[in-house]
Amino acid sequence: MEPSKNPEEFYAKLKSQLLDTALWPTEYLYKFIVPTSAEKVEQIHDIFDNMGAVITTKKSKNEKYTSVSVNVTMTNPDAVIAKYKQVGEEVEGVISL
């Protein structure tokens, strides 16, 4: 995901795609990459806490980065986008895929 050019336009397009491709509520898979740090992974865990999310992590070959996959049931596209924004604001250095 590359929202840096025009975030509002990007999220409007994402919302449209989510509305067109899923029946809500639905399971949604988030993928993030963070610099390897237990604190950053914990921040993502905290954001999805108490939502029944299944969170898996995998370190890169050189262990410089960690991929974090979050599989969680979301109620609608707005909720999906809100979580992307929350992770982007709260977790420094995160890359959303």
Protein backbone atom coordinates (compact mmCIF):
# COMPACT_ATOMS: atom_id res chain seq x y z
CA MET A 1 0.00 0.00 0.00
CA GLU A 2 1.43 3.39 -0.93
CA PRO A 3 -0.80 6.12 0.51
CA SER A 4 1.96 8.75 0.57
CA LYS A 5 0.99 10.56 -2.66
CA ASN A 6 -2.64 11.34 -1.80
CA PRO A 7 -3.88 9.35 1.21
CA GLU A 8 -7.55 10.33 0.90
CA GLU A 9 -7.67 9.36 -2.78
CA PHE A 10 -5.90 6.09 -1.99
CA TYR A 11 -8.30 5.20 0.84
CA ALA A 12 -11.35 6.12 -1.28
CA LYS A 13 -10.15 3.71 -3.98
CA LEU A 14 -9.44 1.00 -1.39
CA LYS A 15 -12.93 1.43 0.10
CA SER A 16 -14.50 1.08 -3.33
CA GLN A 17 -12.50 -2.08 -4.04
CA LEU A 18 -13.41 -3.58 -0.67
CA LEU A 19 -17.11 -2.86 -1.24
CA ASP A 20 -16.93 -4.51 -4.66
CA THR A 21 -15.03 -7.64 -3.64
CA ALA A 22 -16.37 -8.75 -0.26
CA LEU A 23 -19.55 -9.40 1.67
CA TRP A 24 -19.39 -7.70 5.07
CA PRO A 25 -18.56 -8.61 7.76
CA THR A 26 -15.64 -10.62 6.39
CA GLU A 27 -12.21 -11.92 7.33
CA TYR A 28 -9.51 -9.50 6.25
CA LEU A 29 -5.78 -10.13 6.06
CA TYR A 30 -3.53 -7.21 6.93
CA LYS A 31 0.18 -7.43 6.12
CA PHE A 32 2.75 -5.12 7.63
CA ILE A 33 6.53 -4.92 7.60
CA VAL A 34 8.32 -3.32 10.54
CA PRO A 35 11.96 -2.94 11.49
CA THR A 36 12.64 -5.92 13.77
CA SER A 37 11.72 -4.81 17.26
CA ALA A 38 9.64 -6.56 19.89
CA GLU A 39 8.12 -3.17 20.74
CA LYS A 40 6.86 -2.53 17.19
CA VAL A 41 5.35 -6.02 16.92
CA GLU A 42 3.73 -5.52 20.34
CA GLN A 43 2.24 -2.21 19.17
CA ILE A 44 0.49 -4.02 16.30
CA HIS A 45 -0.73 -6.72 18.73
CA ASP A 46 -2.16 -3.98 20.96
CA ILE A 47 -3.99 -2.30 18.06
CA PHE A 48 -5.78 -5.56 17.21
CA ASP A 49 -6.22 -6.68 20.84
CA ASN A 50 -9.63 -8.07 21.84
CA MET A 51 -10.73 -8.46 18.20
CA GLY A 52 -10.09 -12.20 17.89
CA ALA A 53 -7.22 -11.55 15.48
CA VAL A 54 -4.79 -14.29 14.51
CA ILE A 55 -1.38 -12.64 14.30
CA THR A 56 1.72 -14.31 12.84
CA THR A 57 5.21 -12.91 12.46
CA LYS A 58 8.22 -13.88 10.40
CA LYS A 59 11.67 -12.30 10.45
CA SER A 60 13.49 -11.55 7.22
CA LYS A 61 16.54 -13.61 6.29
CA ASN A 62 18.94 -11.06 7.80
CA GLU A 63 16.49 -10.39 10.70
CA LYS A 64 16.46 -6.66 9.94
CA TYR A 65 12.70 -6.65 9.30
CA THR A 66 9.71 -8.58 10.57
CA SER A 67 6.55 -9.24 8.57
CA VAL A 68 3.36 -9.21 10.60
CA SER A 69 0.19 -10.82 9.22
CA VAL A 70 -3.09 -10.09 10.96
CA ASN A 71 -6.17 -12.15 10.07
CA VAL A 72 -9.26 -10.65 11.65
CA THR A 73 -13.00 -10.34 11.02
CA MET A 74 -13.87 -6.76 10.10
CA THR A 75 -17.37 -5.28 9.95
CA ASN A 76 -16.99 -2.99 6.93
CA PRO A 77 -14.46 -1.22 4.67
CA ASP A 78 -14.40 1.86 6.93
CA ALA A 79 -13.24 -0.32 9.85
CA VAL A 80 -10.49 -1.82 7.66
CA ILE A 81 -9.25 1.64 6.64
CA ALA A 82 -9.43 2.93 10.23
CA LYS A 83 -7.06 0.15 11.34
CA TYR A 84 -4.62 0.88 8.50
CA LYS A 85 -4.59 4.54 9.56
CA GLN A 86 -4.18 3.66 13.25
CA VAL A 87 -1.22 1.37 12.56
CA GLY A 88 0.35 4.00 10.30
CA GLU A 89 0.02 6.67 12.98
CA GLU A 90 1.10 4.58 15.98
CA VAL A 91 3.86 2.29 14.65
CA GLU A 92 6.91 4.19 13.48
CA GLY A 93 8.55 2.84 10.33
CA VAL A 94 5.71 0.48 9.41
CA ILE A 95 5.06 -0.44 5.79
CA SER A 96 1.53 -1.55 4.95
CA LEU A 97 1.10 -4.03 2.12
